[in-house]
N, C-alpha and C. Protein backbone atom coordinates (compact mmCIF):
# COMPACT_ATOMS: atom_id res chain seq x y z
N MET A 1 104.37 95.15 164.50
CA MET A 1 105.39 94.24 164.05
C MET A 1 104.84 92.82 163.92
N GLU A 2 104.01 92.38 164.90
CA GLU A 2 103.49 91.01 164.84
C GLU A 2 102.69 90.73 163.57
N PRO A 3 101.77 91.63 163.15
CA PRO A 3 101.04 91.36 161.90
C PRO A 3 101.97 91.24 160.70
N ALA A 4 103.00 92.08 160.63
CA ALA A 4 103.94 92.03 159.51
C ALA A 4 104.71 90.72 159.51
N LEU A 5 105.11 90.24 160.68
CA LEU A 5 105.82 88.95 160.77
C LEU A 5 104.92 87.80 160.34
N SER A 6 103.63 87.87 160.71
CA SER A 6 102.68 86.83 160.29
C SER A 6 102.49 86.83 158.77
N ILE A 7 102.37 88.03 158.20
CA ILE A 7 102.23 88.14 156.74
C ILE A 7 103.50 87.63 156.06
N ALA A 8 104.66 88.01 156.57
CA ALA A 8 105.93 87.58 155.98
C ALA A 8 106.06 86.07 156.03
N THR A 9 105.63 85.46 157.12
CA THR A 9 105.68 83.99 157.24
C THR A 9 104.81 83.34 156.17
N GLU A 10 103.61 83.87 155.97
CA GLU A 10 102.72 83.32 154.92
C GLU A 10 103.34 83.49 153.54
N ILE A 11 103.89 84.65 153.27
CA ILE A 11 104.53 84.90 151.98
C ILE A 11 105.66 83.91 151.73
N ARG A 12 106.50 83.72 152.74
CA ARG A 12 107.64 82.82 152.61
C ARG A 12 107.18 81.37 152.43
N GLU A 13 106.22 80.95 153.26
CA GLU A 13 105.75 79.56 153.19
C GLU A 13 105.08 79.26 151.85
N ARG A 14 104.38 80.24 151.29
CA ARG A 14 103.68 80.04 150.02
C ARG A 14 104.55 80.39 148.82
N ARG A 15 105.79 80.84 149.08
CA ARG A 15 106.74 81.23 148.03
C ARG A 15 106.13 82.25 147.06
N LEU A 16 105.49 83.29 147.65
CA LEU A 16 104.85 84.32 146.87
C LEU A 16 105.84 85.41 146.49
N ASP A 17 105.55 86.09 145.40
CA ASP A 17 106.33 87.25 144.99
C ASP A 17 105.77 88.48 145.68
N VAL A 18 106.60 89.51 145.84
CA VAL A 18 106.17 90.77 146.44
C VAL A 18 106.50 91.90 145.46
N GLU A 19 105.49 92.72 145.16
CA GLU A 19 105.66 93.89 144.30
C GLU A 19 105.25 95.12 145.11
N VAL A 20 106.11 96.10 145.19
CA VAL A 20 105.82 97.34 145.89
C VAL A 20 105.38 98.36 144.83
N VAL A 21 104.16 98.88 145.01
CA VAL A 21 103.64 99.87 144.05
C VAL A 21 103.42 101.22 144.73
N GLY A 22 103.60 101.28 146.03
CA GLY A 22 103.45 102.52 146.80
C GLY A 22 104.58 102.60 147.81
N ASN A 23 104.24 103.01 149.02
CA ASN A 23 105.24 103.10 150.08
C ASN A 23 105.33 101.80 150.86
N CYS A 24 106.54 101.34 151.11
CA CYS A 24 106.79 100.15 151.94
C CYS A 24 107.86 100.57 152.94
N PHE A 25 107.41 100.99 154.12
CA PHE A 25 108.31 101.47 155.16
C PHE A 25 108.20 100.54 156.37
N SER A 26 109.09 100.74 157.30
CA SER A 26 109.02 100.12 158.62
C SER A 26 108.92 98.59 158.51
N SER A 27 107.88 98.01 159.10
CA SER A 27 107.75 96.55 159.11
C SER A 27 107.57 95.97 157.72
N CYS A 28 106.99 96.72 156.82
CA CYS A 28 106.87 96.26 155.44
C CYS A 28 108.26 96.03 154.85
N ALA A 29 109.14 97.02 155.03
CA ALA A 29 110.50 96.93 154.48
C ALA A 29 111.35 95.91 155.21
N ASN A 30 111.17 95.82 156.52
CA ASN A 30 111.99 94.90 157.32
C ASN A 30 111.60 93.44 157.17
N TYR A 31 110.31 93.14 156.99
CA TYR A 31 109.86 91.75 157.05
C TYR A 31 109.10 91.28 155.81
N ILE A 32 108.14 92.08 155.33
CA ILE A 32 107.29 91.64 154.22
C ILE A 32 108.06 91.63 152.90
N PHE A 33 108.71 92.75 152.56
CA PHE A 33 109.45 92.83 151.30
C PHE A 33 110.51 91.73 151.17
N PRO A 34 111.35 91.53 152.19
CA PRO A 34 112.39 90.49 152.07
C PRO A 34 111.84 89.06 151.98
N ALA A 35 110.61 88.85 152.44
CA ALA A 35 110.03 87.50 152.45
C ALA A 35 109.66 87.01 151.06
N GLY A 36 109.50 87.90 150.12
CA GLY A 36 109.07 87.52 148.77
C GLY A 36 110.09 86.65 148.06
N ALA A 37 109.57 85.67 147.32
CA ALA A 37 110.44 84.82 146.50
C ALA A 37 111.11 85.68 145.44
N ASP A 38 110.32 86.51 144.76
CA ASP A 38 110.85 87.48 143.80
C ASP A 38 110.33 88.83 144.25
N LYS A 39 111.19 89.83 144.28
CA LYS A 39 110.84 91.15 144.78
C LYS A 39 110.98 92.16 143.66
N SER A 40 110.02 93.11 143.59
CA SER A 40 110.13 94.18 142.60
C SER A 40 109.53 95.46 143.16
N ILE A 41 110.02 96.57 142.65
CA ILE A 41 109.54 97.89 143.02
C ILE A 41 109.10 98.55 141.71
N SER A 42 107.81 98.87 141.61
CA SER A 42 107.27 99.40 140.35
C SER A 42 106.92 100.88 140.46
N GLY A 43 106.97 101.55 139.33
CA GLY A 43 106.52 102.93 139.24
C GLY A 43 107.09 103.82 140.31
N LEU A 44 106.22 104.36 141.15
CA LEU A 44 106.63 105.26 142.22
C LEU A 44 106.82 104.55 143.54
N GLY A 45 106.95 103.23 143.50
CA GLY A 45 107.15 102.45 144.72
C GLY A 45 108.44 102.83 145.42
N VAL A 46 108.39 102.79 146.75
CA VAL A 46 109.54 103.13 147.59
C VAL A 46 109.63 102.12 148.73
N VAL A 47 110.82 101.57 148.95
CA VAL A 47 111.09 100.73 150.10
C VAL A 47 112.15 101.46 150.91
N ALA A 48 111.86 101.70 152.19
CA ALA A 48 112.79 102.44 153.04
C ALA A 48 112.92 101.76 154.39
N TRP A 49 114.16 101.54 154.79
CA TRP A 49 114.45 100.88 156.05
C TRP A 49 114.87 101.88 157.10
N HIS A 50 114.53 101.55 158.33
CA HIS A 50 115.08 102.29 159.48
C HIS A 50 115.39 101.22 160.51
N GLY A 51 115.12 101.26 161.71
CA GLY A 51 115.49 100.23 162.67
C GLY A 51 114.78 98.91 162.44
N ASN A 52 115.22 97.89 163.17
CA ASN A 52 114.55 96.59 163.18
C ASN A 52 114.65 96.02 164.59
N MET A 53 114.32 94.76 164.78
CA MET A 53 114.34 94.18 166.13
C MET A 53 115.73 94.24 166.76
N SER A 54 116.78 93.99 165.97
CA SER A 54 118.14 94.09 166.51
C SER A 54 118.43 95.51 166.97
N HIS A 55 117.96 96.47 166.22
CA HIS A 55 118.15 97.87 166.57
C HIS A 55 117.41 98.18 167.88
N MET A 56 116.21 97.64 168.05
CA MET A 56 115.46 97.84 169.28
C MET A 56 116.20 97.25 170.48
N LEU A 57 116.78 96.06 170.29
CA LEU A 57 117.55 95.45 171.38
C LEU A 57 118.79 96.26 171.71
N HIS A 58 119.44 96.81 170.70
CA HIS A 58 120.60 97.65 170.94
C HIS A 58 120.20 98.91 171.71
N MET A 59 119.13 99.56 171.31
CA MET A 59 118.68 100.76 172.01
C MET A 59 118.30 100.46 173.45
N HIS A 60 117.75 99.27 173.69
CA HIS A 60 117.44 98.85 175.05
C HIS A 60 118.74 98.65 175.85
N ALA A 61 119.70 97.95 175.25
CA ALA A 61 120.94 97.64 175.94
C ALA A 61 121.74 98.88 176.32
N VAL A 62 121.71 99.90 175.47
CA VAL A 62 122.49 101.12 175.77
C VAL A 62 121.67 102.15 176.54
N GLY A 63 120.40 101.82 176.81
CA GLY A 63 119.57 102.71 177.62
C GLY A 63 118.90 103.83 176.87
N THR A 64 119.03 103.87 175.54
CA THR A 64 118.40 104.90 174.75
C THR A 64 116.89 104.80 174.76
N LYS A 65 116.40 103.56 174.66
CA LYS A 65 114.95 103.32 174.66
C LYS A 65 114.69 102.00 175.38
N PRO A 66 114.65 102.04 176.71
CA PRO A 66 114.40 100.80 177.46
C PRO A 66 113.04 100.20 177.13
N LEU A 67 113.00 98.90 177.07
CA LEU A 67 111.75 98.17 176.81
C LEU A 67 111.25 97.56 178.11
N ASP A 68 109.92 97.55 178.27
CA ASP A 68 109.38 96.86 179.43
C ASP A 68 109.48 95.35 179.20
N ALA A 69 109.21 94.55 180.21
CA ALA A 69 109.40 93.11 180.13
C ALA A 69 108.60 92.46 179.01
N LYS A 70 107.35 92.92 178.82
CA LYS A 70 106.50 92.36 177.76
C LYS A 70 107.08 92.66 176.38
N ALA A 71 107.46 93.91 176.14
CA ALA A 71 108.04 94.29 174.85
C ALA A 71 109.35 93.59 174.59
N LEU A 72 110.17 93.47 175.63
CA LEU A 72 111.45 92.80 175.48
C LEU A 72 111.27 91.34 175.10
N LYS A 73 110.26 90.68 175.68
CA LYS A 73 109.96 89.28 175.33
C LYS A 73 109.52 89.18 173.87
N GLU A 74 108.71 90.13 173.41
CA GLU A 74 108.23 90.11 172.02
C GLU A 74 109.37 90.30 171.03
N VAL A 75 110.29 91.19 171.38
CA VAL A 75 111.44 91.47 170.50
C VAL A 75 112.37 90.27 170.52
């Protein structure tokens, strides 16, 4: 997650466009794709979302997937 957030920050700060030409799942879909000034999905490109940091906090809160102190701080 940290590398994707760093990449997303650079994309946003530089106002870069994002084009998906393959698979963009997980952190790519949650952070990198939305960071683009202009976003496009070409050819066979796929963007698919599943959980995100809020989802991780919810799972921790309800006891489904407790996080240790270090992970909880990162989230």
